[in-house]
Each structure stands twice: as structure tokens, then as C-alpha cells.
């Protein structure tokens, strides 16, 4: 598989300056789903906000503490969402620094009614790693602002990749978590992921004139408007492909993924299947397709 960002080669555990008052520390957790690893951001020059502390890794914890210069202290820990590569280190970092953890809520917070219903009926995620024990000290609602030593961010509830996903606006710069990345499209895996919400979140971000996105993985997104439009176009294209395939014959999400995602490595086919399932649930809610029998991850779907 071709490297999507060959020029993005940050050193693990080293604080790199991205802009005045902003640094990035790469966590040591590369994988097909996390790319080079999780980007942890340090915002501020005195009192520091840590955005996405990352996985439960003592080496990364020490790297964040070592990044502090004389006179600096961590005063806030902001979490975009409760996946295992973003939130678990928050608790240990809070214990070491005394800084509170801020987020939208526990892992299941923000789920839509249809996703709550599906979860209650036994639909489970695709193994992408939910931090089920995550509970913030301070709950942030959509539009809340958090101010520190020379910095202010606005919390935007941007569900889709995960129900409790927040993005953080710093002026016209956005810390976009896993909602918008430049190296890949986001995984949307029900019931934690919700394609209807994902599309709405992207469309909402289109309403503001962003200059830059700092993503949870990969290099900064330097043309946010174009990236948002590309992601929306990509998802609409997948929807069209799914509908066209179902006009030929009923199929499961796995069958459709194998037919549509012809360019992905076998290791990523389960993730592709979850993305297709997200589309099928969205299309079911719009009465475009229907499951043959009960709605489930293994259901056969037909066009209407």
C-alpha cells in the first residue's frame, strides 16, 4: 500500500513546534488504523492544554512531561473522543499533574436514538478499541469555551466517527481529532460511529472559514475546505456504489465491502465492512434499503 503522506515523518516522543504556542508529540502506537501514531498537542506557553493525551503508555506519558520547559505546567487535558488511542493516558496524566480531564462525556455519550436502539439490541462495534472506562472530570457541551494561560478553545460536538467526539476550535484552526484527517478517511463503525451524524458534522464544519486542521493522526490538513468537500464526495460515492450493487442482488455488508473496496489490503477489510454497515444503517433510516429480517451486522440487505 502506498504511503499516503511520505513527507510526514515526525520523531516519536519529541515535542515539535507547529506554531507559536503549539507543539505536537507523536505517540509510539503506529498501526494500519493510527498511521504513524496518535498526535498529542500541547497548546500554550505557560499553562499548557494537552489535547488527546493518547494511549496508556508510560513512555508517552514521560515524553509529555519531559516536553514541559521551566515555568510550564499542564493545566487542562482535552479529549476529542474515547478511543483507546486517544483517551486512556488522560487519567494517569491527570494524577501526575493535577489537571482536570475535559470531554463530551463517557464513551456512549451523544449516541443518536437509532444507535442507542441498535446497541440495546446487541449491535456491537468492530473491535476498533473503545475506552469504556473514560469519564471526564468536566463535561463540555457543544459551544462551550475553555480558556487557559493565553489560549482559548471552543468545543464543537462533531459526532460521526464516535458519538462523544469533540473538535476544538482555536481561532480559525481546528483540532479535528479523527473526524477529519488528511492521510485517510475516518472509520465509522456502528453503534459508536454514525454515518448520518458524520455527514452532518462535516457539513457543519463547512460553514466556517478554517485555515488549518490539526488531525488526530497524520500531517496537518492545509486546505480544510477542499478536504471537507472531498470527504463528503467520497461518502456520497460509496452510497451510490452500495445502492447500485443492491439493485443487482441482496447482500451483506461484508459482501458489499469485498465488491466495492477493491483497493484495500485484506487487513483493513473488516474496517471497510463496518463503514459499509454504517452506510446501510443510514440508508435504512432513509427507506432506501431494508434488511431481510432483523437489522444486524450480519443481515442481508435489499434495495427498496
C-alpha atoms as a PDB file:
ATOM      1  CA  UNK A   1       0.000   0.000   0.000  1.00  0.00           C
ATOM      2  CA  UNK A   2       1.411   3.376  -0.999  1.00  0.00           C
ATOM      3  CA  UNK A   3       2.368   5.734   1.812  1.00  0.00           C
ATOM      4  CA  UNK A   4      -0.287   8.497   1.762  1.00  0.00           C
ATOM      5  CA  UNK A   5       1.986  11.090   3.423  1.00  0.00           C
ATOM      6  CA  UNK A   6       5.622  10.160   2.795  1.00  0.00           C
ATOM      7  CA  UNK A   7       6.857  13.576   3.934  1.00  0.00           C
ATOM      8  CA  UNK A   8       5.194  13.243   7.344  1.00  0.00           C
ATOM      9  CA  UNK A   9       7.961  11.638   9.416  1.00  0.00           C
ATOM     10  CA  UNK A  10       7.856  13.077  12.963  1.00  0.00           C
ATOM     11  CA  UNK A  11      10.071  11.548  15.637  1.00  0.00           C
ATOM     12  CA  UNK A  12       8.225   9.625  18.309  1.00  0.00           C
ATOM     13  CA  UNK A  13       8.229  11.282  21.718  1.00  0.00           C
ATOM     14  CA  UNK A  14       9.808  14.567  20.597  1.00  0.00           C
ATOM     15  CA  UNK A  15       7.909  17.848  21.012  1.00  0.00           C
ATOM     16  CA  UNK A  16       7.883  19.569  17.621  1.00  0.00           C
ATOM     17  CA  UNK A  17       6.829  23.208  17.289  1.00  0.00           C
ATOM     18  CA  UNK A  18       3.997  23.691  14.790  1.00  0.00           C
ATOM     19  CA  UNK A  19       3.190  27.355  15.501  1.00  0.00           C
ATOM     20  CA  UNK A  20       3.848  29.847  18.275  1.00  0.00           C
ATOM     21  CA  UNK A  21       2.336  28.291  21.375  1.00  0.00           C
ATOM     22  CA  UNK A  22       1.626  24.928  19.753  1.00  0.00           C
ATOM     23  CA  UNK A  23       3.657  21.716  19.770  1.00  0.00           C
ATOM     24  CA  UNK A  24       2.984  18.110  18.760  1.00  0.00           C
ATOM     25  CA  UNK A  25       4.275  14.924  20.383  1.00  0.00           C
ATOM     26  CA  UNK A  26       3.803  11.687  18.428  1.00  0.00           C
ATOM     27  CA  UNK A  27       2.797   8.647  20.489  1.00  0.00           C
ATOM     28  CA  UNK A  28       4.563   5.312  19.861  1.00  0.00           C
ATOM     29  CA  UNK A  29       1.493   3.476  18.545  1.00  0.00           C
ATOM     30  CA  UNK A  30       1.752   3.171  14.753  1.00  0.00           C
ATOM     31  CA  UNK A  31      -0.687   0.790  13.059  1.00  0.00           C
ATOM     32  CA  UNK A  32      -2.843   0.500   9.942  1.00  0.00           C
ATOM     33  CA  UNK A  33      -5.578   2.395  11.823  1.00  0.00           C
ATOM     34  CA  UNK A  34      -3.393   5.034  13.541  1.00  0.00           C
ATOM     35  CA  UNK A  35      -0.858   5.701  10.758  1.00  0.00           C
ATOM     36  CA  UNK A  36       2.415   6.972  12.336  1.00  0.00           C
ATOM     37  CA  UNK A  37       0.700   7.095  15.752  1.00  0.00           C
ATOM     38  CA  UNK A  38      -1.529   9.423  17.753  1.00  0.00           C
ATOM     39  CA  UNK A  39      -0.782  13.140  17.609  1.00  0.00           C
ATOM     40  CA  UNK A  40      -0.826  14.708  21.072  1.00  0.00           C
ATOM     41  CA  UNK A  41      -0.906  18.503  21.022  1.00  0.00           C
ATOM     42  CA  UNK A  42       0.487  20.886  23.626  1.00  0.00           C
ATOM     43  CA  UNK A  43      -1.249  24.271  23.459  1.00  0.00           C
ATOM     44  CA  UNK A  44       0.092  27.293  25.350  1.00  0.00           C
ATOM     45  CA  UNK A  45       3.348  28.765  26.566  1.00  0.00           C
ATOM     46  CA  UNK A  46       2.844  28.780  30.336  1.00  0.00           C
ATOM     47  CA  UNK A  47      -0.227  26.873  31.397  1.00  0.00           C
ATOM     48  CA  UNK A  48      -0.473  24.047  28.868  1.00  0.00           C
ATOM     49  CA  UNK A  49      -3.546  22.305  27.484  1.00  0.00           C
ATOM     50  CA  UNK A  50      -2.847  18.745  26.359  1.00  0.00           C
ATOM     51  CA  UNK A  51      -5.171  17.746  23.523  1.00  0.00           C
ATOM     52  CA  UNK A  52      -5.581  13.959  23.146  1.00  0.00           C
ATOM     53  CA  UNK A  53      -3.052  12.525  25.626  1.00  0.00           C
ATOM     54  CA  UNK A  54      -3.108   9.250  23.721  1.00  0.00           C
ATOM     55  CA  UNK A  55      -2.798   5.563  24.618  1.00  0.00           C
ATOM     56  CA  UNK A  56      -1.960   4.188  28.040  1.00  0.00           C
ATOM     57  CA  UNK A  57       1.797   4.160  27.506  1.00  0.00           C
ATOM     58  CA  UNK A  58       4.307   5.158  30.206  1.00  0.00           C
ATOM     59  CA  UNK A  59       6.868   6.166  27.584  1.00  0.00           C
ATOM     60  CA  UNK A  60       4.440   8.650  26.048  1.00  0.00           C
ATOM     61  CA  UNK A  61       3.451   9.931  29.483  1.00  0.00           C
ATOM     62  CA  UNK A  62       7.088  10.669  30.247  1.00  0.00           C
ATOM     63  CA  UNK A  63       7.559  12.311  26.850  1.00  0.00           C
ATOM     64  CA  UNK A  64       4.706  14.723  27.585  1.00  0.00           C
ATOM     65  CA  UNK A  65       6.125  15.579  30.992  1.00  0.00           C
ATOM     66  CA  UNK A  66       9.630  15.980  29.542  1.00  0.00           C
ATOM     67  CA  UNK A  67       8.259  18.413  26.954  1.00  0.00           C
ATOM     68  CA  UNK A  68       7.497  20.946  29.688  1.00  0.00           C
ATOM     69  CA  UNK A  69      10.066  23.709  29.969  1.00  0.00           C
ATOM     70  CA  UNK A  70      10.857  25.613  33.188  1.00  0.00           C
ATOM     71  CA  UNK A  71       7.805  27.572  34.283  1.00  0.00           C
ATOM     72  CA  UNK A  72       5.352  25.472  32.295  1.00  0.00           C
ATOM     73  CA  UNK A  73       2.646  23.257  33.783  1.00  0.00           C
ATOM     74  CA  UNK A  74      -0.212  21.212  32.366  1.00  0.00           C
ATOM     75  CA  UNK A  75      -3.478  22.852  33.432  1.00  0.00           C
ATOM     76  CA  UNK A  76      -6.054  21.168  31.152  1.00  0.00           C
ATOM     77  CA  UNK A  77      -6.387  17.769  29.452  1.00  0.00           C
ATOM     78  CA  UNK A  78      -8.778  17.885  26.488  1.00  0.00           C
ATOM     79  CA  UNK A  79     -10.005  14.657  24.893  1.00  0.00           C
ATOM     80  CA  UNK A  80     -11.601  14.539  21.444  1.00  0.00           C
ATOM     81  CA  UNK A  81     -13.120  11.071  21.915  1.00  0.00           C
ATOM     82  CA  UNK A  82     -12.920   7.858  23.907  1.00  0.00           C
ATOM     83  CA  UNK A  83     -10.976   5.500  21.686  1.00  0.00           C
ATOM     84  CA  UNK A  84      -8.029   3.609  23.142  1.00  0.00           C
ATOM     85  CA  UNK A  85      -5.505   5.525  21.053  1.00  0.00           C
ATOM     86  CA  UNK A  86      -6.716   8.936  22.285  1.00  0.00           C
ATOM     87  CA  UNK A  87      -8.066   8.963  25.841  1.00  0.00           C
ATOM     88  CA  UNK A  88      -6.633   6.329  28.241  1.00  0.00           C
ATOM     89  CA  UNK A  89      -3.494   8.272  29.211  1.00  0.00           C
ATOM     90  CA  UNK A  90      -5.683  11.141  30.426  1.00  0.00           C
ATOM     91  CA  UNK A  91      -6.192   9.625  33.859  1.00  0.00           C
ATOM     92  CA  UNK A  92      -2.509   8.993  34.628  1.00  0.00           C
ATOM     93  CA  UNK A  93      -1.559  12.389  33.243  1.00  0.00           C
ATOM     94  CA  UNK A  94      -4.184  13.985  35.465  1.00  0.00           C
ATOM     95  CA  UNK A  95      -2.847  12.141  38.510  1.00  0.00           C
ATOM     96  CA  UNK A  96       0.689  13.302  37.758  1.00  0.00           C
ATOM     97  CA  UNK A  97      -0.211  16.942  37.085  1.00  0.00           C
ATOM     98  CA  UNK A  98      -3.471  17.651  38.916  1.00  0.00           C
ATOM     99  CA  UNK A  99      -5.024  18.901  35.664  1.00  0.00           C
ATOM    100  CA  UNK A 100      -8.688  18.048  35.060  1.00  0.00           C
ATOM    101  CA  UNK A 101      -9.823  15.922  32.128  1.00  0.00           C
ATOM    102  CA  UNK A 102     -12.369  17.586  29.853  1.00  0.00           C
ATOM    103  CA  UNK A 103     -14.548  15.835  27.278  1.00  0.00           C
ATOM    104  CA  UNK A 104     -18.076  15.458  25.955  1.00  0.00           C
ATOM    105  CA  UNK A 105     -18.875  12.567  28.259  1.00  0.00           C
ATOM    106  CA  UNK A 106     -18.374   8.806  28.607  1.00  0.00           C
ATOM    107  CA  UNK A 107     -17.809   6.632  25.547  1.00  0.00           C
ATOM    108  CA  UNK A 108     -21.533   6.177  24.832  1.00  0.00           C
ATOM    109  CA  UNK A 109     -22.496   9.828  25.320  1.00  0.00           C
ATOM    110  CA  UNK A 110     -24.063  11.516  22.323  1.00  0.00           C
ATOM    111  CA  UNK A 111     -25.427   8.421  20.594  1.00  0.00           C
ATOM    112  CA  UNK A 112     -28.442   9.004  18.388  1.00  0.00           C
ATOM    113  CA  UNK A 113     -31.737   7.283  19.171  1.00  0.00           C
ATOM    114  CA  UNK A 114     -31.241   4.706  16.402  1.00  0.00           C
ATOM    115  CA  UNK A 115     -27.731   3.862  17.605  1.00  0.00           C
ATOM    116  CA  UNK A 116     -28.922   3.517  21.205  1.00  0.00           C
ATOM    117  CA  UNK A 117     -31.637   1.160  19.978  1.00  0.00           C
ATOM    118  CA  UNK A 118     -29.202  -0.915  17.934  1.00  0.00           C
ATOM    119  CA  UNK A 119     -26.760  -1.106  20.851  1.00  0.00           C
ATOM    120  CA  UNK A 120     -29.562  -2.223  23.182  1.00  0.00           C
ATOM    121  CA  UNK A 121     -30.432  -4.938  20.658  1.00  0.00           C
ATOM    122  CA  UNK A 122     -26.871  -6.244  20.671  1.00  0.00           C
ATOM    123  CA  UNK A 123     -25.148  -4.497  17.765  1.00  0.00           C
ATOM    124  CA  UNK A 124     -21.550  -4.086  18.876  1.00  0.00           C
ATOM    125  CA  UNK A 125     -18.541  -2.296  17.456  1.00  0.00           C
ATOM    126  CA  UNK A 126     -15.955  -3.751  15.173  1.00  0.00           C
ATOM    127  CA  UNK A 127     -13.131  -4.057  17.690  1.00  0.00           C
ATOM    128  CA  UNK A 128     -11.555  -0.683  16.985  1.00  0.00           C
ATOM    129  CA  UNK A 129     -10.965  -0.099  20.668  1.00  0.00           C
ATOM    130  CA  UNK A 130     -13.376   1.849  22.848  1.00  0.00           C
ATOM    131  CA  UNK A 131     -12.124   3.274  26.151  1.00  0.00           C
ATOM    132  CA  UNK A 132     -15.233   2.144  28.015  1.00  0.00           C
ATOM    133  CA  UNK A 133     -13.925   3.462  31.344  1.00  0.00           C
ATOM    134  CA  UNK A 134     -13.446   7.023  30.154  1.00  0.00           C
ATOM    135  CA  UNK A 135     -15.234   9.620  32.295  1.00  0.00           C
ATOM    136  CA  UNK A 136     -14.199  13.292  32.095  1.00  0.00           C
ATOM    137  CA  UNK A 137     -13.864  15.417  35.211  1.00  0.00           C
ATOM    138  CA  UNK A 138     -15.544  18.291  33.375  1.00  0.00           C
ATOM    139  CA  UNK A 139     -18.225  17.705  30.752  1.00  0.00           C
ATOM    140  CA  UNK A 140     -18.132  20.025  27.760  1.00  0.00           C
ATOM    141  CA  UNK A 141     -21.264  20.810  25.781  1.00  0.00           C
ATOM    142  CA  UNK A 142     -21.312  21.945  22.174  1.00  0.00           C
ATOM    143  CA  UNK A 143     -20.203  25.577  22.028  1.00  0.00           C
ATOM    144  CA  UNK A 144     -18.521  25.667  25.436  1.00  0.00           C
ATOM    145  CA  UNK A 145     -15.267  27.590  25.624  1.00  0.00           C
ATOM    146  CA  UNK A 146     -12.215  26.641  27.644  1.00  0.00           C
ATOM    147  CA  UNK A 147      -9.690  29.341  28.468  1.00  0.00           C
ATOM    148  CA  UNK A 148      -6.192  28.958  29.832  1.00  0.00           C
ATOM    149  CA  UNK A 149      -2.955  30.889  30.058  1.00  0.00           C
ATOM    150  CA  UNK A 150      -3.050  32.880  26.816  1.00  0.00           C
ATOM    151  CA  UNK A 151      -5.272  30.477  24.855  1.00  0.00           C
ATOM    152  CA  UNK A 152      -8.975  29.843  24.348  1.00  0.00           C
ATOM    153  CA  UNK A 153     -10.643  26.974  22.500  1.00  0.00           C
ATOM    154  CA  UNK A 154     -14.263  26.316  21.606  1.00  0.00           C
ATOM    155  CA  UNK A 155     -15.631  22.777  21.927  1.00  0.00           C
ATOM    156  CA  UNK A 156     -17.658  21.618  18.933  1.00  0.00           C
ATOM    157  CA  UNK A 157     -19.640  18.402  19.219  1.00  0.00           C
ATOM    158  CA  UNK A 158     -18.795  16.622  15.971  1.00  0.00           C
ATOM    159  CA  UNK A 159     -20.169  13.069  16.224  1.00  0.00           C
ATOM    160  CA  UNK A 160     -19.818  10.561  13.446  1.00  0.00           C
ATOM    161  CA  UNK A 161     -16.534   8.760  13.956  1.00  0.00           C
ATOM    162  CA  UNK A 162     -17.675   8.374  17.559  1.00  0.00           C
ATOM    163  CA  UNK A 163     -20.725   9.702  19.375  1.00  0.00           C
ATOM    164  CA  UNK A 164     -18.773  11.612  22.026  1.00  0.00           C
ATOM    165  CA  UNK A 165     -16.366  13.184  19.523  1.00  0.00           C
ATOM    166  CA  UNK A 166     -15.390  16.808  20.076  1.00  0.00           C
ATOM    167  CA  UNK A 167     -13.312  19.059  17.858  1.00  0.00           C
ATOM    168  CA  UNK A 168     -11.603  22.089  19.369  1.00  0.00           C
ATOM    169  CA  UNK A 169     -11.537  25.429  17.555  1.00  0.00           C
ATOM    170  CA  UNK A 170      -8.548  27.675  18.269  1.00  0.00           C
ATOM    171  CA  UNK A 171      -9.422  30.740  16.258  1.00  0.00           C
ATOM    172  CA  UNK A 172      -9.602  29.580  12.654  1.00  0.00           C
ATOM    173  CA  UNK A 173      -7.540  26.473  13.436  1.00  0.00           C
ATOM    174  CA  UNK A 174      -9.343  23.262  14.341  1.00  0.00           C
ATOM    175  CA  UNK A 175      -8.097  20.249  16.276  1.00  0.00           C
ATOM    176  CA  UNK A 176     -10.236  17.801  14.333  1.00  0.00           C
ATOM    177  CA  UNK A 177      -9.488  14.532  16.134  1.00  0.00           C
ATOM    178  CA  UNK A 178     -10.434  11.574  13.962  1.00  0.00           C
ATOM    179  CA  UNK A 179     -13.340  13.291  12.217  1.00  0.00           C
ATOM    180  CA  UNK A 180     -11.161  14.845   9.514  1.00  0.00           C
ATOM    181  CA  UNK A 181      -7.693  13.563   8.635  1.00  0.00           C
ATOM    182  CA  UNK A 182      -5.579  14.064   5.561  1.00  0.00           C
ATOM    183  CA  UNK A 183      -3.966  10.634   5.297  1.00  0.00           C
ATOM    184  CA  UNK A 184      -7.200   8.598   5.253  1.00  0.00           C
ATOM    185  CA  UNK A 185     -10.943   8.750   5.656  1.00  0.00           C
ATOM    186  CA  UNK A 186     -12.368   8.102   9.120  1.00  0.00           C
ATOM    187  CA  UNK A 187     -13.684   4.780  10.325  1.00  0.00           C
ATOM    188  CA  UNK A 188     -17.434   4.928  11.002  1.00  0.00           C
ATOM    189  CA  UNK A 189     -18.361   1.768  12.889  1.00  0.00           C
ATOM    190  CA  UNK A 190     -21.891   1.486  14.391  1.00  0.00           C
ATOM    191  CA  UNK A 191     -23.133   1.898  17.034  1.00  0.00           C
ATOM    192  CA  UNK A 192     -20.209   4.080  18.142  1.00  0.00           C
ATOM    193  CA  UNK A 193     -19.895   5.508  14.647  1.00  0.00           C
ATOM    194  CA  UNK A 194     -22.888   7.042  12.921  1.00  0.00           C
ATOM    195  CA  UNK A 195     -22.742   7.962   9.238  1.00  0.00           C
ATOM    196  CA  UNK A 196     -25.772  10.261   9.401  1.00  0.00           C
ATOM    197  CA  UNK A 197     -24.062  12.232  12.171  1.00  0.00           C
ATOM    198  CA  UNK A 198     -20.711  12.071  10.377  1.00  0.00           C
ATOM    199  CA  UNK A 199     -22.072  13.744   7.258  1.00  0.00           C
ATOM    200  CA  UNK A 200     -23.861  16.376   9.335  1.00  0.00           C
ATOM    201  CA  UNK A 201     -20.650  17.147  11.243  1.00  0.00           C
ATOM    202  CA  UNK A 202     -18.694  17.616   8.024  1.00  0.00           C
ATOM    203  CA  UNK A 203     -21.396  19.875   6.612  1.00  0.00           C
ATOM    204  CA  UNK A 204     -21.406  21.903   9.811  1.00  0.00           C
ATOM    205  CA  UNK A 205     -17.662  22.457   9.600  1.00  0.00           C
ATOM    206  CA  UNK A 206     -18.119  23.746   6.057  1.00  0.00           C
ATOM    207  CA  UNK A 207     -19.957  26.742   7.481  1.00  0.00           C
ATOM    208  CA  UNK A 208     -16.784  28.296   8.931  1.00  0.00           C
ATOM    209  CA  UNK A 209     -13.653  29.640   7.191  1.00  0.00           C
ATOM    210  CA  UNK A 210     -10.949  27.394   8.630  1.00  0.00           C
ATOM    211  CA  UNK A 211      -7.289  27.935   7.802  1.00  0.00           C
ATOM    212  CA  UNK A 212      -5.884  24.625   9.114  1.00  0.00           C
ATOM    213  CA  UNK A 213      -6.893  21.339  10.728  1.00  0.00           C
ATOM    214  CA  UNK A 214      -4.615  19.520  13.163  1.00  0.00           C
ATOM    215  CA  UNK A 215      -5.797  15.917  12.996  1.00  0.00           C
ATOM    216  CA  UNK A 216      -5.548  13.061  15.462  1.00  0.00           C
ATOM    217  CA  UNK A 217      -3.237  11.218  13.068  1.00  0.00           C
ATOM    218  CA  UNK A 218      -1.094  12.328  10.177  1.00  0.00           C
ATOM    219  CA  UNK A 219       0.031  15.698   8.886  1.00  0.00           C
ATOM    220  CA  UNK A 220      -1.950  18.936   9.234  1.00  0.00           C
ATOM    221  CA  UNK A 221      -4.777  19.448   6.748  1.00  0.00           C
ATOM    222  CA  UNK A 222      -3.694  22.637   4.991  1.00  0.00           C
ATOM    223  CA  UNK A 223      -6.751  23.022   2.744  1.00  0.00           C
ATOM    224  CA  UNK A 224      -9.696  22.296   5.063  1.00  0.00           C
ATOM    225  CA  UNK A 225     -12.486  23.389   2.717  1.00  0.00           C
ATOM    226  CA  UNK A 226     -11.245  21.128  -0.055  1.00  0.00           C
ATOM    227  CA  UNK A 227     -10.745  18.217   2.324  1.00  0.00           C
ATOM    228  CA  UNK A 228     -14.254  18.522   3.752  1.00  0.00           C
ATOM    229  CA  UNK A 229     -15.751  18.563   0.265  1.00  0.00           C
ATOM    230  CA  UNK A 230     -13.611  15.581  -0.766  1.00  0.00           C
ATOM    231  CA  UNK A 231     -14.742  13.544   2.250  1.00  0.00           C
ATOM    232  CA  UNK A 232     -18.396  14.319   1.584  1.00  0.00           C
ATOM    233  CA  UNK A 233     -17.997  13.447  -2.096  1.00  0.00           C
ATOM    234  CA  UNK A 234     -16.219  10.203  -1.181  1.00  0.00           C
ATOM    235  CA  UNK A 235     -19.026   9.096   1.139  1.00  0.00           C
ATOM    236  CA  UNK A 236     -21.709  10.016  -1.382  1.00  0.00           C
ATOM    237  CA  UNK A 237     -19.840   7.951  -3.952  1.00  0.00           C
ATOM    238  CA  UNK A 238     -19.763   4.953  -1.604  1.00  0.00           C
ATOM    239  CA  UNK A 239     -23.508   5.347  -1.073  1.00  0.00           C
ATOM    240  CA  UNK A 240     -24.107   5.314  -4.812  1.00  0.00           C
ATOM    241  CA  UNK A 241     -21.931   2.204  -5.229  1.00  0.00           C
ATOM    242  CA  UNK A 242     -23.817   0.395  -2.462  1.00  0.00           C
ATOM    243  CA  UNK A 243     -27.205   1.258  -3.941  1.00  0.00           C
ATOM    244  CA  UNK A 244     -26.104   0.160  -7.408  1.00  0.00           C
ATOM    245  CA  UNK A 245     -24.781  -3.149  -6.047  1.00  0.00           C
ATOM    246  CA  UNK A 246     -28.020  -3.856  -4.201  1.00  0.00           C
ATOM    247  CA  UNK A 247     -30.075  -3.328  -7.351  1.00  0.00           C
ATOM    248  CA  UNK A 248     -28.296  -6.390  -8.720  1.00  0.00           C
ATOM    249  CA  UNK A 249     -28.724  -8.689  -5.724  1.00  0.00           C
ATOM    250  CA  UNK A 250     -29.274  -8.533  -1.947  1.00  0.00           C
ATOM    251  CA  UNK A 251     -26.031  -8.680   0.012  1.00  0.00           C
ATOM    252  CA  UNK A 252     -24.433  -8.401   3.419  1.00  0.00           C
ATOM    253  CA  UNK A 253     -22.135  -5.580   4.468  1.00  0.00           C
ATOM    254  CA  UNK A 254     -19.179  -7.952   4.089  1.00  0.00           C
ATOM    255  CA  UNK A 255     -20.225  -8.941   0.568  1.00  0.00           C
ATOM    256  CA  UNK A 256     -20.564  -5.297  -0.420  1.00  0.00           C
ATOM    257  CA  UNK A 257     -17.214  -4.345   1.112  1.00  0.00           C
ATOM    258  CA  UNK A 258     -15.440  -7.059  -0.863  1.00  0.00           C
ATOM    259  CA  UNK A 259     -17.065  -5.821  -4.078  1.00  0.00           C
ATOM    260  CA  UNK A 260     -16.617  -2.077  -3.502  1.00  0.00           C
ATOM    261  CA  UNK A 261     -13.346  -1.750  -1.553  1.00  0.00           C
ATOM    262  CA  UNK A 262     -11.194  -3.467  -4.147  1.00  0.00           C
ATOM    263  CA  UNK A 263      -8.087  -1.414  -3.331  1.00  0.00           C
ATOM    264  CA  UNK A 264      -7.753  -2.034   0.420  1.00  0.00           C
ATOM    265  CA  UNK A 265      -5.375  -4.582   1.994  1.00  0.00           C
ATOM    266  CA  UNK A 266      -7.050  -7.663   3.474  1.00  0.00           C
ATOM    267  CA  UNK A 267      -6.192  -6.481   6.999  1.00  0.00           C
ATOM    268  CA  UNK A 268      -8.419  -3.425   6.515  1.00  0.00           C
ATOM    269  CA  UNK A 269     -11.411  -5.275   5.071  1.00  0.00           C
ATOM    270  CA  UNK A 270     -13.131  -5.600   8.493  1.00  0.00           C
ATOM    271  CA  UNK A 271     -12.948  -1.817   8.892  1.00  0.00           C
ATOM    272  CA  UNK A 272     -14.302  -1.379   5.370  1.00  0.00           C
ATOM    273  CA  UNK A 273     -17.155  -3.728   6.266  1.00  0.00           C
ATOM    274  CA  UNK A 274     -18.051  -1.570   9.264  1.00  0.00           C
ATOM    275  CA  UNK A 275     -18.055   1.506   7.048  1.00  0.00           C
ATOM    276  CA  UNK A 276     -20.444  -0.228   4.644  1.00  0.00           C
ATOM    277  CA  UNK A 277     -22.659  -1.233   7.569  1.00  0.00           C
ATOM    278  CA  UNK A 278     -22.789   2.429   8.621  1.00  0.00           C
ATOM    279  CA  UNK A 279     -23.994   3.339   5.130  1.00  0.00           C
ATOM    280  CA  UNK A 280     -26.597   0.566   5.205  1.00  0.00           C
ATOM    281  CA  UNK A 281     -27.980   1.758   8.542  1.00  0.00           C
ATOM    282  CA  UNK A 282     -28.128   5.317   7.219  1.00  0.00           C
ATOM    283  CA  UNK A 283     -29.865   4.150   4.033  1.00  0.00           C
ATOM    284  CA  UNK A 284     -32.283   2.036   6.080  1.00  0.00           C
ATOM    285  CA  UNK A 285     -33.252   5.106   8.113  1.00  0.00           C
ATOM    286  CA  UNK A 286     -33.923   6.917   4.817  1.00  0.00           C
ATOM    287  CA  UNK A 287     -36.026   3.988   3.479  1.00  0.00           C
ATOM    288  CA  UNK A 288     -33.617   3.426   0.579  1.00  0.00           C
ATOM    289  CA  UNK A 289     -32.691  -0.126   1.613  1.00  0.00           C
ATOM    290  CA  UNK A 290     -34.039  -2.670   4.084  1.00  0.00           C
ATOM    291  CA  UNK A 291     -32.642  -5.684   5.923  1.00  0.00           C
ATOM    292  CA  UNK A 292     -34.089  -9.105   5.209  1.00  0.00           C
ATOM    293  CA  UNK A 293     -35.172  -9.831   8.754  1.00  0.00           C
ATOM    294  CA  UNK A 294     -33.699  -8.057  11.759  1.00  0.00           C
ATOM    295  CA  UNK A 295     -31.150  -5.288  11.378  1.00  0.00           C
ATOM    296  CA  UNK A 296     -27.751  -6.613  12.422  1.00  0.00           C
ATOM    297  CA  UNK A 297     -24.115  -6.594  11.371  1.00  0.00           C
ATOM    298  CA  UNK A 298     -24.650  -9.894   9.503  1.00  0.00           C
ATOM    299  CA  UNK A 299     -28.007  -9.003   7.932  1.00  0.00           C
ATOM    300  CA  UNK A 300     -28.679  -9.333   4.211  1.00  0.00           C
ATOM    301  CA  UNK A 301     -29.875  -6.020   2.754  1.00  0.00           C
ATOM    302  CA  UNK A 302     -32.037  -5.401  -0.290  1.00  0.00           C
ATOM    303  CA  UNK A 303     -32.860  -2.261  -2.213  1.00  0.00           C
ATOM    304  CA  UNK A 304     -36.329  -0.718  -1.933  1.00  0.00           C
END
